[in-house]
Each structure stands twice: as structure tokens, then as C-alpha cells.
C-alpha atoms as a PDB file:
ATOM      1  CA  MET A   1       0.000   0.000   0.000  1.00  0.00           C
ATOM      2  CA  LYS A   2       1.384   3.450  -0.925  1.00  0.00           C
ATOM      3  CA  PHE A   3       0.673   6.693   0.888  1.00  0.00           C
ATOM      4  CA  GLN A   4       1.738  10.149  -0.194  1.00  0.00           C
ATOM      5  CA  ILE A   5       2.497  12.356   2.789  1.00  0.00           C
ATOM      6  CA  THR A   6       2.766  16.108   2.278  1.00  0.00           C
ATOM      7  CA  ILE A   7       5.014  17.999   4.682  1.00  0.00           C
ATOM      8  CA  SER A   8       5.574  21.747   4.619  1.00  0.00           C
ATOM      9  CA  PRO A   9       9.014  22.639   6.052  1.00  0.00           C
ATOM     10  CA  PHE A  10       7.923  26.279   6.327  1.00  0.00           C
ATOM     11  CA  LYS A  11       4.794  25.474   8.370  1.00  0.00           C
ATOM     12  CA  ILE A  12       6.698  23.104  10.645  1.00  0.00           C
ATOM     13  CA  ALA A  13       9.396  25.730  11.230  1.00  0.00           C
ATOM     14  CA  LYS A  14       6.699  28.368  11.817  1.00  0.00           C
ATOM     15  CA  TYR A  15       4.883  26.314  14.448  1.00  0.00           C
ATOM     16  CA  LEU A  16       8.140  25.334  16.138  1.00  0.00           C
ATOM     17  CA  THR A  17       9.096  29.022  16.254  1.00  0.00           C
ATOM     18  CA  PHE A  18       5.716  29.849  17.813  1.00  0.00           C
ATOM     19  CA  GLY A  19       6.534  27.255  20.468  1.00  0.00           C
ATOM     20  CA  VAL A  20       9.905  28.874  21.149  1.00  0.00           C
ATOM     21  CA  ILE A  21       8.273  32.325  21.379  1.00  0.00           C
ATOM     22  CA  PHE A  22       5.607  31.030  23.782  1.00  0.00           C
ATOM     23  CA  LEU A  23       8.180  29.379  26.065  1.00  0.00           C
ATOM     24  CA  THR A  24      10.382  32.483  25.948  1.00  0.00           C
ATOM     25  CA  ILE A  25       7.533  34.813  26.936  1.00  0.00           C
ATOM     26  CA  CYS A  26       6.544  32.458  29.770  1.00  0.00           C
ATOM     27  CA  SER A  27      10.119  32.248  31.038  1.00  0.00           C
ATOM     28  CA  ILE A  28      10.686  36.012  30.905  1.00  0.00           C
ATOM     29  CA  ALA A  29       7.410  36.628  32.761  1.00  0.00           C
ATOM     30  CA  ILE A  30       8.418  34.067  35.390  1.00  0.00           C
ATOM     31  CA  GLN A  31      11.867  35.639  35.832  1.00  0.00           C
ATOM     32  CA  ILE A  32      10.360  39.104  36.206  1.00  0.00           C
ATOM     33  CA  GLY A  33       7.884  37.733  38.746  1.00  0.00           C
ATOM     34  CA  LYS A  34      10.707  36.032  40.643  1.00  0.00           C
ATOM     35  CA  TYR A  35      13.268  38.833  40.816  1.00  0.00           C
ATOM     36  CA  ILE A  36      11.030  41.922  40.809  1.00  0.00           C
ATOM     37  CA  PHE A  37       7.850  40.768  42.572  1.00  0.00           C
ATOM     38  CA  ASP A  38       9.364  37.888  44.587  1.00  0.00           C
ATOM     39  CA  TYR A  39       6.866  35.401  43.119  1.00  0.00           C
ATOM     40  CA  ARG A  40       8.507  31.983  43.547  1.00  0.00           C
ATOM     41  CA  GLU A  41       5.769  29.365  43.275  1.00  0.00           C
ATOM     42  CA  PRO A  42       7.013  25.804  42.493  1.00  0.00           C
ATOM     43  CA  TRP A  43       4.950  25.556  39.276  1.00  0.00           C
ATOM     44  CA  THR A  44       7.039  28.305  37.656  1.00  0.00           C
ATOM     45  CA  ARG A  45       9.943  25.857  37.322  1.00  0.00           C
ATOM     46  CA  LEU A  46       7.958  24.061  34.614  1.00  0.00           C
ATOM     47  CA  PHE A  47       8.426  26.973  32.184  1.00  0.00           C
ATOM     48  CA  ASN A  48      11.771  28.364  33.360  1.00  0.00           C
ATOM     49  CA  LEU A  49      14.298  28.165  30.505  1.00  0.00           C
ATOM     50  CA  ASP A  50      17.127  28.229  33.049  1.00  0.00           C
ATOM     51  CA  ARG A  51      15.904  25.016  34.738  1.00  0.00           C
ATOM     52  CA  GLU A  52      16.316  21.373  33.753  1.00  0.00           C
ATOM     53  CA  MET A  53      13.817  18.536  33.316  1.00  0.00           C
ATOM     54  CA  ASN A  54      10.842  20.748  32.503  1.00  0.00           C
ATOM     55  CA  ILE A  55       8.726  21.661  29.457  1.00  0.00           C
ATOM     56  CA  PRO A  56      11.437  23.722  27.647  1.00  0.00           C
ATOM     57  CA  THR A  57      13.941  20.897  28.238  1.00  0.00           C
ATOM     58  CA  TRP A  58      11.681  18.316  26.618  1.00  0.00           C
ATOM     59  CA  TYR A  59      10.781  20.709  23.805  1.00  0.00           C
ATOM     60  CA  SER A  60      14.465  21.182  22.983  1.00  0.00           C
ATOM     61  CA  ALA A  61      15.166  17.456  23.304  1.00  0.00           C
ATOM     62  CA  LEU A  62      12.305  16.560  20.952  1.00  0.00           C
ATOM     63  CA  MET A  63      13.626  19.001  18.341  1.00  0.00           C
ATOM     64  CA  LEU A  64      17.100  17.456  18.610  1.00  0.00           C
ATOM     65  CA  ILE A  65      15.586  13.978  18.254  1.00  0.00           C
ATOM     66  CA  SER A  66      13.637  15.218  15.218  1.00  0.00           C
ATOM     67  CA  CYS A  67      16.893  16.435  13.651  1.00  0.00           C
ATOM     68  CA  GLY A  68      18.429  13.022  14.298  1.00  0.00           C
ATOM     69  CA  LEU A  69      15.472  11.204  12.719  1.00  0.00           C
ATOM     70  CA  ILE A  70      15.396  13.413   9.627  1.00  0.00           C
ATOM     71  CA  ILE A  71      19.149  12.981   9.191  1.00  0.00           C
ATOM     72  CA  ARG A  72      18.644   9.240   9.586  1.00  0.00           C
ATOM     73  CA  GLY A  73      16.220   9.361   6.656  1.00  0.00           C
ATOM     74  CA  ILE A  74      18.705  11.307   4.547  1.00  0.00           C
ATOM     75  CA  PHE A  75      21.409   8.826   5.519  1.00  0.00           C
ATOM     76  CA  ALA A  76      19.255   5.911   4.299  1.00  0.00           C
ATOM     77  CA  ILE A  77      18.777   7.594   0.923  1.00  0.00           C
ATOM     78  CA  LYS A  78      22.451   8.529   0.650  1.00  0.00           C
ATOM     79  CA  LYS A  79      23.556   4.991   1.480  1.00  0.00           C
ATOM     80  CA  SER A  80      21.218   3.511  -1.151  1.00  0.00           C
ATOM     81  CA  LEU A  81      22.783   5.878  -3.690  1.00  0.00           C
ATOM     82  CA  SER A  82      26.321   4.966  -2.515  1.00  0.00           C
ATOM     83  CA  ASP A  83      26.986   8.625  -1.778  1.00  0.00           C
ATOM     84  CA  ARG A  84      30.581   9.258  -0.709  1.00  0.00           C
ATOM     85  CA  PHE A  85      29.466  10.983   2.508  1.00  0.00           C
ATOM     86  CA  TRP A  86      26.767   8.569   3.684  1.00  0.00           C
ATOM     87  CA  ARG A  87      28.822   7.641   6.757  1.00  0.00           C
ATOM     88  CA  GLN A  88      29.020  11.298   7.781  1.00  0.00           C
ATOM     89  CA  TRP A  89      25.224  11.506   7.657  1.00  0.00           C
ATOM     90  CA  LYS A  90      24.992   8.420   9.865  1.00  0.00           C
ATOM     91  CA  ILE A  91      27.432   9.818  12.429  1.00  0.00           C
ATOM     92  CA  LEU A  92      25.651  13.184  12.366  1.00  0.00           C
ATOM     93  CA  SER A  93      22.361  11.514  13.284  1.00  0.00           C
ATOM     94  CA  ILE A  94      24.066   9.794  16.233  1.00  0.00           C
ATOM     95  CA  ILE A  95      25.492  13.146  17.370  1.00  0.00           C
ATOM     96  CA  PHE A  96      22.010  14.641  17.509  1.00  0.00           C
ATOM     97  CA  PHE A  97      20.635  11.696  19.463  1.00  0.00           C
ATOM     98  CA  LEU A  98      23.495  12.155  21.952  1.00  0.00           C
ATOM     99  CA  LEU A  99      22.758  15.889  22.178  1.00  0.00           C
ATOM    100  CA  ALA A 100      19.119  15.063  22.915  1.00  0.00           C
ATOM    101  CA  PHE A 101      20.169  12.620  25.639  1.00  0.00           C
ATOM    102  CA  ASP A 102      22.470  15.236  27.160  1.00  0.00           C
ATOM    103  CA  GLU A 103      19.683  17.826  27.007  1.00  0.00           C
ATOM    104  CA  ILE A 104      17.474  15.535  29.100  1.00  0.00           C
ATOM    105  CA  ALA A 105      20.135  14.110  31.430  1.00  0.00           C
ATOM    106  CA  SER A 106      22.265  17.313  31.660  1.00  0.00           C
ATOM    107  CA  ILE A 107      25.477  15.294  31.665  1.00  0.00           C
ATOM    108  CA  HIS A 108      27.593  18.349  30.812  1.00  0.00           C
ATOM    109  CA  GLU A 109      26.388  20.013  34.041  1.00  0.00           C
ATOM    110  CA  ILE A 110      28.642  17.596  35.962  1.00  0.00           C
ATOM    111  CA  LEU A 111      31.623  19.705  34.880  1.00  0.00           C
ATOM    112  CA  ILE A 112      30.215  22.931  36.319  1.00  0.00           C
ATOM    113  CA  ILE A 113      32.449  22.736  39.387  1.00  0.00           C
ATOM    114  CA  ASP A 114      33.462  26.073  40.925  1.00  0.00           C
ATOM    115  CA  ASP A 115      36.185  24.504  43.082  1.00  0.00           C
ATOM    116  CA  LEU A 116      37.794  22.894  40.027  1.00  0.00           C
ATOM    117  CA  ALA A 117      37.732  26.182  38.121  1.00  0.00           C
ATOM    118  CA  ASP A 118      39.286  27.982  41.104  1.00  0.00           C
ATOM    119  CA  THR A 119      41.938  25.274  41.541  1.00  0.00           C
ATOM    120  CA  LEU A 120      42.925  25.549  37.868  1.00  0.00           C
ATOM    121  CA  ASN A 121      42.817  29.348  38.170  1.00  0.00           C
ATOM    122  CA  LEU A 122      40.607  29.566  35.096  1.00  0.00           C
ATOM    123  CA  PRO A 123      39.223  32.894  33.821  1.00  0.00           C
ATOM    124  CA  SER A 124      35.677  33.616  34.984  1.00  0.00           C
ATOM    125  CA  PHE A 125      34.182  32.920  31.538  1.00  0.00           C
ATOM    126  CA  TRP A 126      35.522  29.333  31.815  1.00  0.00           C
ATOM    127  CA  HIS A 127      34.027  28.635  35.252  1.00  0.00           C
ATOM    128  CA  SER A 128      31.560  26.313  33.548  1.00  0.00           C
ATOM    129  CA  VAL A 129      34.457  23.965  32.882  1.00  0.00           C
ATOM    130  CA  TRP A 130      32.513  21.874  30.380  1.00  0.00           C
ATOM    131  CA  VAL A 131      32.866  24.643  27.754  1.00  0.00           C
ATOM    132  CA  ILE A 132      36.556  23.718  27.385  1.00  0.00           C
ATOM    133  CA  PRO A 133      36.017  20.111  26.184  1.00  0.00           C
ATOM    134  CA  GLY A 134      32.897  21.376  24.415  1.00  0.00           C
ATOM    135  CA  THR A 135      34.958  23.863  22.404  1.00  0.00           C
ATOM    136  CA  VAL A 136      37.516  21.170  21.585  1.00  0.00           C
ATOM    137  CA  LEU A 137      34.749  18.858  20.331  1.00  0.00           C
ATOM    138  CA  VAL A 138      33.321  21.623  18.136  1.00  0.00           C
ATOM    139  CA  ILE A 139      36.766  22.261  16.629  1.00  0.00           C
ATOM    140  CA  ILE A 140      37.217  18.519  15.963  1.00  0.00           C
ATOM    141  CA  PHE A 141      33.746  18.363  14.391  1.00  0.00           C
ATOM    142  CA  ILE A 142      34.470  21.280  12.037  1.00  0.00           C
ATOM    143  CA  TRP A 143      37.845  19.769  11.135  1.00  0.00           C
ATOM    144  CA  LYS A 144      36.330  16.362  10.373  1.00  0.00           C
ATOM    145  CA  TYR A 145      33.219  17.696   8.641  1.00  0.00           C
ATOM    146  CA  TRP A 146      34.646  20.618   6.658  1.00  0.00           C
ATOM    147  CA  LYS A 147      34.735  18.709   3.353  1.00  0.00           C
ATOM    148  CA  PHE A 148      31.237  17.407   4.091  1.00  0.00           C
ATOM    149  CA  ILE A 149      29.973  20.955   4.696  1.00  0.00           C
ATOM    150  CA  LEU A 150      31.525  22.184   1.453  1.00  0.00           C
ATOM    151  CA  TYR A 151      29.917  19.254  -0.404  1.00  0.00           C
ATOM    152  CA  LEU A 152      26.420  20.211   0.738  1.00  0.00           C
ATOM    153  CA  PRO A 153      24.125  22.035  -1.690  1.00  0.00           C
ATOM    154  CA  LYS A 154      24.437  25.811  -1.316  1.00  0.00           C
ATOM    155  CA  GLN A 155      21.037  26.289   0.318  1.00  0.00           C
ATOM    156  CA  LEU A 156      21.453  23.474   2.833  1.00  0.00           C
ATOM    157  CA  ARG A 157      25.009  24.588   3.585  1.00  0.00           C
ATOM    158  CA  ARG A 158      23.698  28.044   4.462  1.00  0.00           C
ATOM    159  CA  TYR A 159      21.062  26.641   6.840  1.00  0.00           C
ATOM    160  CA  PHE A 160      23.649  24.219   8.269  1.00  0.00           C
ATOM    161  CA  LEU A 161      26.077  27.033   9.098  1.00  0.00           C
ATOM    162  CA  ILE A 162      23.355  29.304  10.510  1.00  0.00           C
ATOM    163  CA  ALA A 163      22.071  26.467  12.701  1.00  0.00           C
ATOM    164  CA  ILE A 164      25.556  25.614  13.979  1.00  0.00           C
ATOM    165  CA  SER A 165      26.295  29.294  14.680  1.00  0.00           C
ATOM    166  CA  LEU A 166      23.071  29.709  16.664  1.00  0.00           C
ATOM    167  CA  TYR A 167      23.366  26.453  18.585  1.00  0.00           C
ATOM    168  CA  VAL A 168      27.087  26.676  19.398  1.00  0.00           C
ATOM    169  CA  GLY A 169      26.829  30.432  19.991  1.00  0.00           C
ATOM    170  CA  GLY A 170      24.154  29.754  22.588  1.00  0.00           C
ATOM    171  CA  ALA A 171      25.540  26.581  24.164  1.00  0.00           C
ATOM    172  CA  LEU A 172      29.162  27.741  24.374  1.00  0.00           C
ATOM    173  CA  GLY A 173      29.245  31.484  23.680  1.00  0.00           C
ATOM    174  CA  MET A 174      26.387  32.550  25.945  1.00  0.00           C
ATOM    175  CA  GLU A 175      27.445  30.005  28.579  1.00  0.00           C
ATOM    176  CA  MET A 176      30.802  31.807  28.788  1.00  0.00           C
ATOM    177  CA  VAL A 177      29.093  35.198  28.913  1.00  0.00           C
ATOM    178  CA  GLY A 178      26.865  33.926  31.721  1.00  0.00           C
ATOM    179  CA  SER A 179      29.857  32.535  33.617  1.00  0.00           C
ATOM    180  CA  TYR A 180      31.631  35.888  33.274  1.00  0.00           C
ATOM    181  CA  TYR A 181      28.612  37.758  34.631  1.00  0.00           C
ATOM    182  CA  ASP A 182      28.264  35.192  37.419  1.00  0.00           C
ATOM    183  CA  GLY A 183      31.756  36.146  38.547  1.00  0.00           C
ATOM    184  CA  ILE A 184      30.668  39.794  38.740  1.00  0.00           C
ATOM    185  CA  ASP A 185      27.197  39.693  40.275  1.00  0.00           C
ATOM    186  CA  GLY A 186      26.232  36.038  40.803  1.00  0.00           C
ATOM    187  CA  GLN A 187      23.334  34.084  39.315  1.00  0.00           C
ATOM    188  CA  GLN A 188      20.396  35.114  41.469  1.00  0.00           C
ATOM    189  CA  ASN A 189      19.394  38.230  39.559  1.00  0.00           C
ATOM    190  CA  LEU A 190      17.331  39.220  36.522  1.00  0.00           C
ATOM    191  CA  VAL A 191      20.309  40.012  34.271  1.00  0.00           C
ATOM    192  CA  TYR A 192      21.793  36.525  34.631  1.00  0.00           C
ATOM    193  CA  ALA A 193      18.350  35.002  34.072  1.00  0.00           C
ATOM    194  CA  MET A 194      17.987  36.961  30.805  1.00  0.00           C
ATOM    195  CA  LEU A 195      21.438  35.823  29.662  1.00  0.00           C
ATOM    196  CA  ALA A 196      20.440  32.211  30.340  1.00  0.00           C
ATOM    197  CA  THR A 197      17.208  32.797  28.418  1.00  0.00           C
ATOM    198  CA  VAL A 198      19.105  34.109  25.389  1.00  0.00           C
ATOM    199  CA  GLU A 199      21.341  31.016  25.552  1.00  0.00           C
ATOM    200  CA  GLU A 200      18.407  28.602  25.469  1.00  0.00           C
ATOM    201  CA  VAL A 201      16.539  30.530  22.762  1.00  0.00           C
ATOM    202  CA  MET A 202      19.610  30.510  20.509  1.00  0.00           C
ATOM    203  CA  GLU A 203      19.924  26.734  20.938  1.00  0.00           C
ATOM    204  CA  MET A 204      16.252  26.142  20.174  1.00  0.00           C
ATOM    205  CA  MET A 205      16.234  28.443  17.142  1.00  0.00           C
ATOM    206  CA  GLY A 206      19.346  26.674  15.859  1.00  0.00           C
ATOM    207  CA  CYS A 207      17.302  23.455  15.908  1.00  0.00           C
ATOM    208  CA  VAL A 208      14.375  25.137  14.137  1.00  0.00           C
ATOM    209  CA  VAL A 209      16.609  26.420  11.336  1.00  0.00           C
ATOM    210  CA  PHE A 210      18.260  23.026  10.953  1.00  0.00           C
ATOM    211  CA  ILE A 211      14.936  21.160  10.859  1.00  0.00           C
ATOM    212  CA  TYR A 212      13.700  23.521   8.147  1.00  0.00           C
ATOM    213  CA  GLY A 213      16.865  23.059   6.078  1.00  0.00           C
ATOM    214  CA  LEU A 214      16.885  19.284   6.514  1.00  0.00           C
ATOM    215  CA  LEU A 215      13.218  18.857   5.578  1.00  0.00           C
ATOM    216  CA  THR A 216      13.674  21.052   2.515  1.00  0.00           C
ATOM    217  CA  TYR A 217      16.663  18.979   1.436  1.00  0.00           C
ATOM    218  CA  LEU A 218      14.873  15.698   2.153  1.00  0.00           C
ATOM    219  CA  GLY A 219      12.019  16.865  -0.066  1.00  0.00           C
ATOM    220  CA  GLU A 220      14.486  17.475  -2.878  1.00  0.00           C
ATOM    221  CA  LEU A 221      15.977  14.004  -2.440  1.00  0.00           C
ATOM    222  CA  SER A 222      12.680  12.165  -2.405  1.00  0.00           C
ATOM    223  CA  ALA A 223       9.584  13.691  -3.986  1.00  0.00           C
ATOM    224  CA  GLU A 224       7.399  10.863  -2.701  1.00  0.00           C
ATOM    225  CA  LEU A 225       7.426   8.977   0.572  1.00  0.00           C
ATOM    226  CA  GLN A 226       6.345   5.359   0.335  1.00  0.00           C
ATOM    227  CA  VAL A 227       5.158   3.775   3.548  1.00  0.00           C
ATOM    228  CA  ASN A 228       4.766   0.001   3.706  1.00  0.00           C
ATOM    229  CA  PHE A 229       2.720  -1.633   6.465  1.00  0.00           C
ATOM    230  CA  HIS A 230       3.089  -5.295   7.300  1.00  0.00           C
ATOM    231  CA  ILE A 231       0.966  -6.812  10.051  1.00  0.00           C
ATOM    232  CA  ASN A 232       2.080 -10.157  11.386  1.00  0.00           C
ATOM    233  CA  ASN A 233      -0.904 -11.981  12.880  1.00  0.00           C
ATOM    234  CA  LYS A 234       1.223 -14.884  14.017  1.00  0.00           C
ATOM    235  CA  GLY A 235       1.960 -14.284  17.691  1.00  0.00           C
END
């Protein structure tokens, strides 16, 4: 049985962006309530972009998983065509699944150790020690994937680079800015909360841009999507 499924990358990106805007407005309102009006009800943690294991966390994780799944589809097509970079697509999908897992489990938070940063006498913008190995991994990724990036079609390459810039700029760049400000005035204030909000929004919008680019490219690779269903009635 054959089904034709129509997907609009623009509409998906639009609705995902609406979700990011909604979560951002909620988080900003919560931060203003917390630091200006001293409103600190437990439920506000559910929408706080600077907290873990809440609605924004799962929203970000689901977008990362979506990137991984779309890339997995592209990988399958590339492998069937014996494309020279099919392995890079496969590894890229795994990277996104790992990023999603880290988003949920917050593994990188283990390396936010003030005593370690003080012992190593690190600058204040490196007090979140995980940004050091994170930066190294980004450099290794760019080094390994540079030929792959250049091989991409011009449009996808543009979305790829914009997405990386937003995501890495938020995850690493704004993390360092936040650490620097933490060294000046601490974390329990509205300015730090806004910096953390910018960090999370940049990461989420990086995912939105990448999903849009990937879906557009997938549509160019395969005009039709054939779905086969097989039901095995034998226990």
C-alpha cells in the first residue's frame, strides 16, 4: 500500500518558532515575577528556561531527536545511492541523538564545578568547565566535517552554518558570557536570568533552522514517501 504524505518545512518551522516564542515569553514573565515581585511558586519551574527537566527541556530534546530522525532518513537515501558521505550523515544523526540525551540528562552540568575552576585558576568565563572540552569537540567536528559541509548544496550549507552558529553560539558562547557575569554579580538576579534565556533561545532556534533546512533537502531528495505496512498476525 502506498501513501503520499505532504510535509511543509515552512509550516513546521513556523509552528516550532511559535513554540519557542511562547516558552520564551513564559520564562521572561516568570523571571520578572521572581526577581522583581518575589513570586517563587514551584509551578514556575515548569516553564523556566534556566531550569532542567521541565517543558522547555523536553521541547528542545524533541527538536534534537527530530533532527536526528530526519538525518537518519537522509542517511538511508544517501547509502542507497552509494553517496561518498553517507557515513558522515549516519554519524551526524548519532550526534544529535546524543545531544538530545544530554539535554534531558544534563550530563555536561557535571563539569560545572566552581572549586575545580578555582583550583585551575581559570578565567571567569571558563568557570563552567565543560565549555573547554565542548569547544575542543566543536573544533574537531568542524575539522572532520569541513569537506562534508563544502559538499552540501548551497542552500542546505547556508542553513547548516546558521544552525551551527546559533546552537554553538548559545551553548558555548552565551554560557561563557553567563559565567563571566556570574563572577561579577552572581546568578540570582534578573540580568543573569535573561542571559540564560538568550542562551536557550539561541539553541532552540538553531534546531528550528536546521529542521527547516533538513526537511527542505529531504524533499528534494525524495519527492514521494512510500510507507509500507506489514501486520504479522502470528503471535
